Amino acid sequence: MSQQPHRTDELQHASFLIILAVVTLMMAVIVWPFSSALLWAALAAIMFQPLYRWMLKGTRGRRNQAAIATLLVIFFAVLVPAGWLAAMVVQEALELVAALQAQPIDLAATFDSVYDALPRIAQESIDRAGWADVSSAQARLQEVLAESAGMIASQAVSIGSGALGFLLSLGVGLYVMFFLLRDGERIGRTLLRTVPVERSISERLAERFLGIVRATIKGSGVVGLVQGVLAGISFVIVGLESALLFGVITTIFALVPVIGAGAVYAPIGLWLLLTGAVWQGVFVLAFGIVVVSSADNVLRPILVGRDTGIPDWIILVTTLGGISFLGFSGIVLGPLVAGLFLASWSILQEYREEDERAGEHDEIRVDASGRTPEAEGAA
């Protein structure tokens, strides 16, 4: 009879866990349309928490006023310039595609100039490989330009038609960010108490998660932005058309490990050399290698302070996987998931090592005669 209440409690506990899992899944499905807005709101609240604390001191502890002031700074210093920049980039992209369609790149003439400059052996190798015929490449280039123009135009139309949805997501993100700024610490403490794991484990996970967020945003986002600005300056100096567009593309590629900013400035520099703009091509390549690529090595230790411990190949795979799953938001979410994955396994390893050390201390050691060190000391 004594086992019956205990078994009933276990069934009730299991039923409650099932209900909790179903309700949580339903909640995730309902808020999924605003997942990107909620993600960026949470990340912004974490990154701008020092600004909120500074505002809190200025408002003498008035949390609502401090949160509103922080939101205004974020809106006018970050969101408004970002929107203006996005509009300029789309405009330059449309103009570039239209110019290339009106005056296509003559691949044949460019190939002939490079082909004539090569030694005889290299020319024979190209002929044997069948690369001398560039007519198919020229036709494919025109097809790509037509597809690019249609894609950019369709995206612009979809953005215009989805303006209401964008504004709604922006409003939801700002609204949620207000409460995360104001009550973020209290919400964090509540989550740590309710997470069904040991308190010490949840605290260590939270600490490492915050470190990974700051390292990802500051170490990747800020460095990528600086590299894009530097590359854009070099493009402006050499008179490259659509310099702003290529600078933004450099920023995006700089966020992806291994690939980096060189995937943009190197082809541009080589193309300038091939088209006869010698000093411009040399300048873009030299400036990119010496200044743009070196910015990562100089700024990342200053901004991050220490390595996150995530290998580059894992960041690359998770970044690309995040982009394919969530789009642009995956650039940030992918490394965050990788960091939490590695942090969870490292904490598990630390606890196992602690248990092993505790087990070694609890072992009873005896000598050849079967006596323990404590017994010898007592004798």
Protein backbone atom coordinates (compact mmCIF):
# COMPACT_ATOMS: atom_id res chain seq x y z
CA MET A 1 0.00 0.00 0.00
CA SER A 2 2.86 2.37 0.70
CA GLN A 3 4.09 2.10 -2.89
CA GLN A 4 0.75 3.19 -4.39
CA PRO A 5 0.98 6.94 -3.47
CA HIS A 6 4.59 7.02 -4.62
CA ARG A 7 3.66 5.50 -7.97
CA THR A 8 0.77 7.95 -8.31
CA ASP A 9 3.13 10.88 -7.71
CA GLU A 10 5.48 9.59 -10.40
CA LEU A 11 2.60 9.32 -12.89
CA GLN A 12 1.44 12.81 -12.05
CA HIS A 13 4.98 14.16 -12.44
CA ALA A 14 5.40 12.42 -15.81
CA SER A 15 2.02 13.72 -16.98
CA PHE A 16 2.96 17.24 -15.97
CA LEU A 17 6.25 17.00 -17.89
CA ILE A 18 4.37 15.85 -21.00
CA ILE A 19 1.92 18.73 -20.68
CA LEU A 20 4.80 21.16 -20.16
CA ALA A 21 6.58 19.85 -23.26
CA VAL A 22 3.42 20.13 -25.40
CA VAL A 23 2.64 23.64 -24.17
CA THR A 24 6.24 24.73 -24.77
CA LEU A 25 6.14 23.32 -28.30
CA MET A 26 2.87 25.13 -29.00
CA MET A 27 4.38 28.35 -27.70
CA ALA A 28 7.41 27.93 -29.97
CA VAL A 29 5.17 27.35 -33.00
CA ILE A 30 3.08 30.44 -32.25
CA VAL A 31 6.05 32.82 -31.81
CA TRP A 32 8.05 31.31 -34.70
CA PRO A 33 7.02 34.03 -37.21
CA PHE A 34 8.78 36.53 -34.95
CA SER A 35 11.75 34.31 -34.12
CA SER A 36 14.27 36.52 -35.92
CA ALA A 37 12.93 39.66 -34.26
CA LEU A 38 13.06 38.01 -30.83
CA LEU A 39 16.57 36.69 -31.47
CA TRP A 40 17.96 40.09 -32.43
CA ALA A 41 16.07 41.76 -29.58
CA ALA A 42 17.68 39.38 -27.08
CA LEU A 43 21.15 39.83 -28.56
CA ALA A 44 20.77 43.62 -28.63
CA ALA A 45 19.58 43.63 -25.02
CA ILE A 46 22.66 41.67 -23.98
CA MET A 47 25.07 43.87 -25.95
CA PHE A 48 23.52 47.20 -24.87
CA GLN A 49 23.13 46.25 -21.22
CA PRO A 50 26.15 48.45 -20.25
CA LEU A 51 24.49 51.40 -21.99
CA TYR A 52 21.27 50.71 -20.09
CA ARG A 53 23.14 50.65 -16.79
CA TRP A 54 24.75 53.97 -17.67
CA MET A 55 21.33 55.41 -18.51
CA LEU A 56 20.01 53.98 -15.26
CA LYS A 57 22.55 56.00 -13.33
CA GLY A 58 21.67 59.12 -15.29
CA THR A 59 17.94 58.68 -14.59
CA ARG A 60 18.58 58.00 -10.88
CA GLY A 61 17.29 54.45 -10.96
CA ARG A 62 14.18 55.01 -13.08
CA ARG A 63 14.15 51.79 -15.07
CA ASN A 64 11.43 52.72 -17.55
CA GLN A 65 13.09 56.01 -18.50
CA ALA A 66 16.49 54.31 -18.78
CA ALA A 67 15.10 51.58 -21.05
CA ILE A 68 13.31 54.12 -23.27
CA ALA A 69 16.45 56.26 -23.55
CA THR A 70 18.49 53.17 -24.50
CA LEU A 71 15.94 52.21 -27.15
CA LEU A 72 16.07 55.72 -28.64
CA VAL A 73 19.86 55.51 -28.90
CA ILE A 74 19.65 52.09 -30.56
CA PHE A 75 16.96 53.28 -32.98
CA PHE A 76 18.65 56.48 -34.15
CA ALA A 77 22.29 55.35 -33.91
CA VAL A 78 21.91 51.81 -35.31
CA LEU A 79 18.58 51.08 -37.00
CA VAL A 80 18.12 54.33 -38.95
CA PRO A 81 21.66 54.28 -40.45
CA ALA A 82 21.27 50.56 -41.21
CA GLY A 83 18.02 51.20 -43.09
CA TRP A 84 19.54 54.05 -45.06
CA LEU A 85 22.57 51.89 -45.89
CA ALA A 86 20.35 49.01 -47.05
CA ALA A 87 18.43 51.31 -49.39
CA MET A 88 21.67 52.68 -50.87
CA VAL A 89 23.05 49.16 -51.38
CA VAL A 90 19.92 47.99 -53.21
CA GLN A 91 20.04 51.08 -55.42
CA GLU A 92 23.70 50.49 -56.30
CA ALA A 93 23.04 46.82 -57.01
CA LEU A 94 20.25 47.68 -59.44
CA GLU A 95 22.41 50.32 -61.16
CA LEU A 96 25.36 47.91 -61.46
CA VAL A 97 23.28 45.14 -63.00
CA ALA A 98 21.62 47.61 -65.40
CA ALA A 99 25.04 48.97 -66.46
CA LEU A 100 26.40 45.47 -67.05
CA GLN A 101 23.35 44.58 -69.12
CA ALA A 102 23.68 47.75 -71.20
CA GLN A 103 27.43 47.31 -71.68
CA PRO A 104 28.36 43.66 -71.06
CA ILE A 105 31.82 42.64 -69.99
CA ASP A 106 33.79 41.50 -73.03
CA LEU A 107 35.26 38.28 -71.72
CA ALA A 108 36.77 37.43 -75.10
CA ALA A 109 38.88 40.60 -75.26
CA THR A 110 39.99 40.21 -71.65
CA PHE A 111 40.87 36.57 -72.23
CA ASP A 112 42.82 37.37 -75.39
CA SER A 113 44.92 40.00 -73.60
CA VAL A 114 45.77 37.56 -70.82
CA TYR A 115 46.27 34.68 -73.28
CA ASP A 116 48.76 36.67 -75.38
CA ALA A 117 50.79 37.57 -72.29
CA LEU A 118 51.22 33.91 -71.27
CA PRO A 119 54.21 31.79 -72.32
CA ARG A 120 53.85 29.31 -75.16
CA ILE A 121 53.63 26.27 -72.87
CA ALA A 122 50.75 27.79 -70.91
CA GLN A 123 48.92 28.68 -74.12
CA GLU A 124 49.22 25.10 -75.38
CA SER A 125 47.89 23.78 -72.05
CA ILE A 126 44.88 26.09 -72.29
CA ASP A 127 44.23 24.99 -75.85
CA ARG A 128 44.37 21.29 -74.91
CA ALA A 129 41.98 21.89 -71.98
CA GLY A 130 39.49 23.61 -74.24
CA TRP A 131 39.42 26.82 -72.21
CA ALA A 132 40.15 29.04 -75.19
CA ASP A 133 36.49 29.13 -76.20
CA VAL A 134 34.87 31.74 -73.97
CA SER A 135 31.67 32.18 -75.97
CA SER A 136 29.75 29.83 -73.67
CA ALA A 137 31.07 31.69 -70.62
CA GLN A 138 29.97 35.00 -72.19
CA ALA A 139 26.46 33.63 -72.78
CA ARG A 140 26.27 32.28 -69.25
CA LEU A 141 27.35 35.66 -67.88
CA GLN A 142 24.48 37.35 -69.69
CA GLU A 143 22.07 34.78 -68.27
CA VAL A 144 23.40 35.39 -64.75
CA LEU A 145 22.98 39.16 -65.19
CA ALA A 146 19.39 38.71 -66.34
CA GLU A 147 18.64 36.39 -63.43
CA SER A 148 20.31 38.80 -60.98
CA ALA A 149 18.25 41.73 -62.23
CA GLY A 150 15.06 39.74 -61.87
CA MET A 151 16.01 38.49 -58.42
CA ILE A 152 16.90 41.97 -57.12
CA ALA A 153 13.71 43.43 -58.57
CA SER A 154 11.58 40.66 -57.09
CA GLN A 155 13.23 41.08 -53.71
CA ALA A 156 12.61 44.83 -53.83
CA VAL A 157 8.94 44.19 -54.68
CA SER A 158 8.60 41.61 -51.90
CA ILE A 159 10.18 44.00 -49.42
CA GLY A 160 7.77 46.73 -50.49
CA SER A 161 4.75 44.43 -50.32
CA GLY A 162 5.92 43.03 -47.00
CA ALA A 163 6.57 46.42 -45.47
CA LEU A 164 3.72 45.93 -43.00
CA GLY A 165 5.18 42.62 -41.82
CA PHE A 166 8.63 44.16 -41.52
CA LEU A 167 7.32 47.09 -39.50
CA LEU A 168 5.36 44.68 -37.29
CA SER A 169 8.47 42.57 -36.64
CA LEU A 170 10.48 45.73 -35.94
CA GLY A 171 7.84 46.95 -33.50
CA VAL A 172 7.70 43.58 -31.74
CA GLY A 173 11.49 43.49 -31.51
CA LEU A 174 11.71 46.97 -30.00
CA TYR A 175 8.85 46.25 -27.61
CA VAL A 176 10.46 43.02 -26.39
CA MET A 177 13.85 44.71 -26.18
CA PHE A 178 12.40 47.31 -23.81
CA PHE A 179 11.42 44.62 -21.30
CA LEU A 180 14.64 42.66 -21.79
CA LEU A 181 16.67 45.78 -21.06
CA ARG A 182 14.59 46.70 -18.05
CA ASP A 183 14.03 43.24 -16.56
CA GLY A 184 16.80 41.21 -18.20
CA GLU A 185 18.69 40.39 -15.02
CA ARG A 186 15.52 39.36 -13.17
CA ILE A 187 14.39 37.22 -16.12
CA GLY A 188 17.82 35.60 -16.24
CA ARG A 189 17.75 34.74 -12.54
CA THR A 190 14.24 33.29 -12.90
CA LEU A 191 15.34 31.10 -15.80
CA LEU A 192 18.35 29.86 -13.85
CA ARG A 193 16.07 28.84 -10.98
CA THR A 194 13.53 27.08 -13.20
CA VAL A 195 15.89 25.25 -15.58
CA PRO A 196 15.72 21.54 -14.61
CA VAL A 197 19.46 21.16 -14.04
CA GLU A 198 21.76 21.73 -11.11
CA ARG A 199 22.11 25.42 -10.23
CA SER A 200 25.90 25.43 -10.58
CA ILE A 201 25.63 23.94 -14.07
CA SER A 202 23.00 26.46 -15.22
CA GLU A 203 25.07 29.35 -13.88
CA ARG A 204 28.18 28.17 -15.69
CA LEU A 205 26.20 27.70 -18.90
CA ALA A 206 24.72 31.19 -18.58
CA GLU A 207 28.14 32.70 -17.97
CA ARG A 208 29.64 31.01 -21.00
CA PHE A 209 26.62 31.85 -23.14
CA LEU A 210 26.99 35.56 -22.37
CA GLY A 211 30.70 35.34 -23.16
CA ILE A 212 29.99 33.63 -26.47
CA VAL A 213 27.38 36.26 -27.40
CA ARG A 214 29.76 39.12 -26.71
CA ALA A 215 32.61 37.37 -28.52
CA THR A 216 30.41 36.64 -31.54
CA ILE A 217 28.97 40.14 -31.81
CA LYS A 218 32.12 42.06 -30.93
CA GLY A 219 34.71 39.70 -32.31
CA SER A 220 32.93 38.89 -35.57
CA GLY A 221 30.38 41.62 -36.14
CA VAL A 222 32.51 44.63 -35.28
CA VAL A 223 35.63 43.23 -36.96
CA GLY A 224 33.64 42.38 -40.09
CA LEU A 225 32.17 45.88 -40.15
CA VAL A 226 35.62 47.45 -39.82
CA GLN A 227 36.99 45.25 -42.60
CA GLY A 228 34.08 46.18 -44.85
CA VAL A 229 34.62 49.90 -44.20
CA LEU A 230 38.36 49.64 -44.88
CA ALA A 231 37.80 47.68 -48.08
CA GLY A 232 35.13 50.19 -49.15
CA ILE A 233 37.61 53.04 -48.63
CA SER A 234 40.13 51.32 -50.90
CA PHE A 235 37.41 50.83 -53.54
CA VAL A 236 36.54 54.54 -53.37
CA ILE A 237 40.20 55.54 -53.69
CA VAL A 238 40.64 53.57 -56.92
CA GLY A 239 37.36 54.91 -58.32
CA LEU A 240 35.51 51.60 -58.35
CA GLU A 241 31.83 51.91 -59.20
CA SER A 242 29.38 50.61 -56.59
CA ALA A 243 32.05 50.88 -53.89
CA LEU A 244 29.39 50.89 -51.16
CA LEU A 245 27.86 47.68 -52.49
CA PHE A 246 31.19 45.86 -52.60
CA GLY A 247 32.07 47.19 -49.16
CA VAL A 248 28.88 45.69 -47.71
CA ILE A 249 29.55 42.41 -49.53
CA THR A 250 33.04 42.42 -47.98
CA THR A 251 31.49 42.86 -44.53
CA ILE A 252 29.19 39.87 -45.09
CA PHE A 253 32.03 37.64 -46.30
CA ALA A 254 34.23 38.80 -43.42
CA LEU A 255 31.68 37.34 -41.00
CA VAL A 256 32.26 33.86 -42.43
CA PRO A 257 35.45 32.20 -41.10
CA VAL A 258 38.08 30.82 -43.47
CA ILE A 259 36.45 32.61 -46.45
CA GLY A 260 36.91 36.12 -45.08
CA ALA A 261 37.18 39.51 -46.75
CA GLY A 262 39.76 38.25 -49.25
CA ALA A 263 36.97 36.52 -51.17
CA VAL A 264 35.86 40.00 -52.30
CA TYR A 265 38.87 42.30 -52.55
CA ALA A 266 41.15 39.67 -54.16
CA PRO A 267 38.91 39.06 -57.24
CA ILE A 268 38.31 42.81 -57.55
CA GLY A 269 42.05 43.52 -57.47
CA LEU A 270 42.79 40.80 -60.02
CA TRP A 271 40.02 42.03 -62.29
CA LEU A 272 41.42 45.55 -62.19
CA LEU A 273 44.83 44.17 -63.18
CA LEU A 274 43.35 42.18 -66.05
CA THR A 275 41.45 45.18 -67.38
CA GLY A 276 44.60 47.34 -67.47
CA ALA A 277 44.04 49.31 -64.25
CA VAL A 278 47.43 48.28 -62.92
CA TRP A 279 48.02 50.67 -60.03
CA GLN A 280 44.40 50.35 -58.93
CA GLY A 281 44.60 46.57 -58.85
CA VAL A 282 47.94 46.58 -57.04
CA PHE A 283 46.61 49.08 -54.50
CA VAL A 284 43.44 47.06 -53.78
CA LEU A 285 45.42 43.84 -53.34
CA ALA A 286 48.17 45.41 -51.22
CA PHE A 287 45.73 47.39 -49.08
CA GLY A 288 43.58 44.31 -48.62
CA ILE A 289 46.44 42.07 -47.55
CA VAL A 290 48.24 44.59 -45.35
CA VAL A 291 45.35 46.53 -43.81
CA VAL A 292 42.00 44.77 -44.28
CA SER A 293 43.09 41.23 -43.46
CA SER A 294 45.33 42.43 -40.61
CA ALA A 295 42.40 44.19 -38.91
CA ASP A 296 41.10 40.84 -37.68
CA ASN A 297 44.38 39.97 -35.93
CA VAL A 298 44.64 43.43 -34.36
CA LEU A 299 41.06 44.13 -33.31
CA ARG A 300 39.76 40.73 -32.22
CA PRO A 301 42.11 40.36 -29.19
CA ILE A 302 41.27 43.94 -28.13
CA LEU A 303 37.49 43.55 -28.46
CA VAL A 304 37.10 39.98 -27.25
CA GLY A 305 40.03 39.78 -24.84
CA ARG A 306 40.25 36.00 -25.03
CA ASP A 307 39.50 33.21 -27.46
CA THR A 308 36.05 31.62 -27.35
CA GLY A 309 37.60 28.20 -27.76
CA ILE A 310 35.52 27.38 -30.86
CA PRO A 311 37.57 25.99 -33.77
CA ASP A 312 37.26 27.88 -37.05
CA TRP A 313 36.00 24.84 -38.94
CA ILE A 314 33.09 24.43 -36.51
CA ILE A 315 32.23 28.13 -36.81
CA LEU A 316 32.33 27.81 -40.61
CA VAL A 317 30.03 24.78 -40.71
CA THR A 318 27.55 26.18 -38.17
CA THR A 319 27.54 29.60 -39.85
CA LEU A 320 26.74 28.14 -43.26
CA GLY A 321 24.17 25.81 -41.71
CA GLY A 322 22.58 28.69 -39.83
CA ILE A 323 22.38 30.77 -43.01
CA SER A 324 20.68 27.93 -44.89
CA PHE A 325 18.22 27.43 -42.01
CA LEU A 326 17.42 30.99 -40.89
CA GLY A 327 18.91 33.26 -43.53
CA PHE A 328 20.99 36.22 -42.40
CA SER A 329 20.18 35.60 -38.72
CA GLY A 330 22.03 32.29 -38.99
CA ILE A 331 25.33 34.17 -39.21
CA VAL A 332 24.95 34.89 -35.50
CA LEU A 333 22.79 31.96 -34.40
CA GLY A 334 25.06 29.29 -35.88
CA PRO A 335 28.18 30.19 -33.84
CA LEU A 336 26.00 30.68 -30.73
CA VAL A 337 24.63 27.15 -31.01
CA ALA A 338 28.16 25.83 -31.59
CA GLY A 339 29.41 27.68 -28.53
CA LEU A 340 26.62 26.34 -26.33
CA PHE A 341 27.21 22.83 -27.67
CA LEU A 342 30.92 22.92 -26.84
CA ALA A 343 30.31 24.66 -23.50
CA SER A 344 27.80 21.98 -22.46
CA TRP A 345 30.19 19.15 -23.28
CA SER A 346 33.12 20.91 -21.61
CA ILE A 347 31.07 21.38 -18.42
CA LEU A 348 30.13 17.68 -18.50
CA GLN A 349 33.81 16.79 -18.87
CA GLU A 350 34.73 19.07 -15.96
CA TYR A 351 32.13 17.43 -13.72
CA ARG A 352 33.35 13.97 -14.65
CA GLU A 353 36.91 14.98 -13.83
CA GLU A 354 35.75 16.37 -10.49
CA ASP A 355 33.92 13.11 -9.75
CA GLU A 356 37.02 11.11 -10.66
CA ARG A 357 39.20 13.21 -8.36
CA ALA A 358 36.65 12.83 -5.57
CA GLY A 359 36.63 9.08 -6.14
CA GLU A 360 40.41 8.95 -5.92
CA HIS A 361 40.29 10.69 -2.53
CA ASP A 362 37.65 8.25 -1.29
CA GLU A 363 39.66 5.17 -2.25
CA ILE A 364 41.13 3.13 0.62
CA ARG A 365 44.82 2.51 0.01
CA VAL A 366 46.60 -0.39 1.77
CA ASP A 367 50.20 -1.49 1.79
CA ALA A 368 51.61 -4.96 1.17
CA SER A 369 50.69 -6.08 4.69
CA GLY A 370 47.09 -4.97 4.26
CA ARG A 371 47.34 -1.96 6.60
CA THR A 372 46.01 1.49 5.73
CA PRO A 373 48.13 4.69 6.17
CA GLU A 374 45.66 5.85 8.87
CA ALA A 375 46.19 2.64 10.81
CA GLU A 376 49.98 2.96 10.59
CA GLY A 377 49.75 6.56 11.85
CA ALA A 378 47.63 5.49 14.79
CA ALA A 379 50.11 2.73 15.63
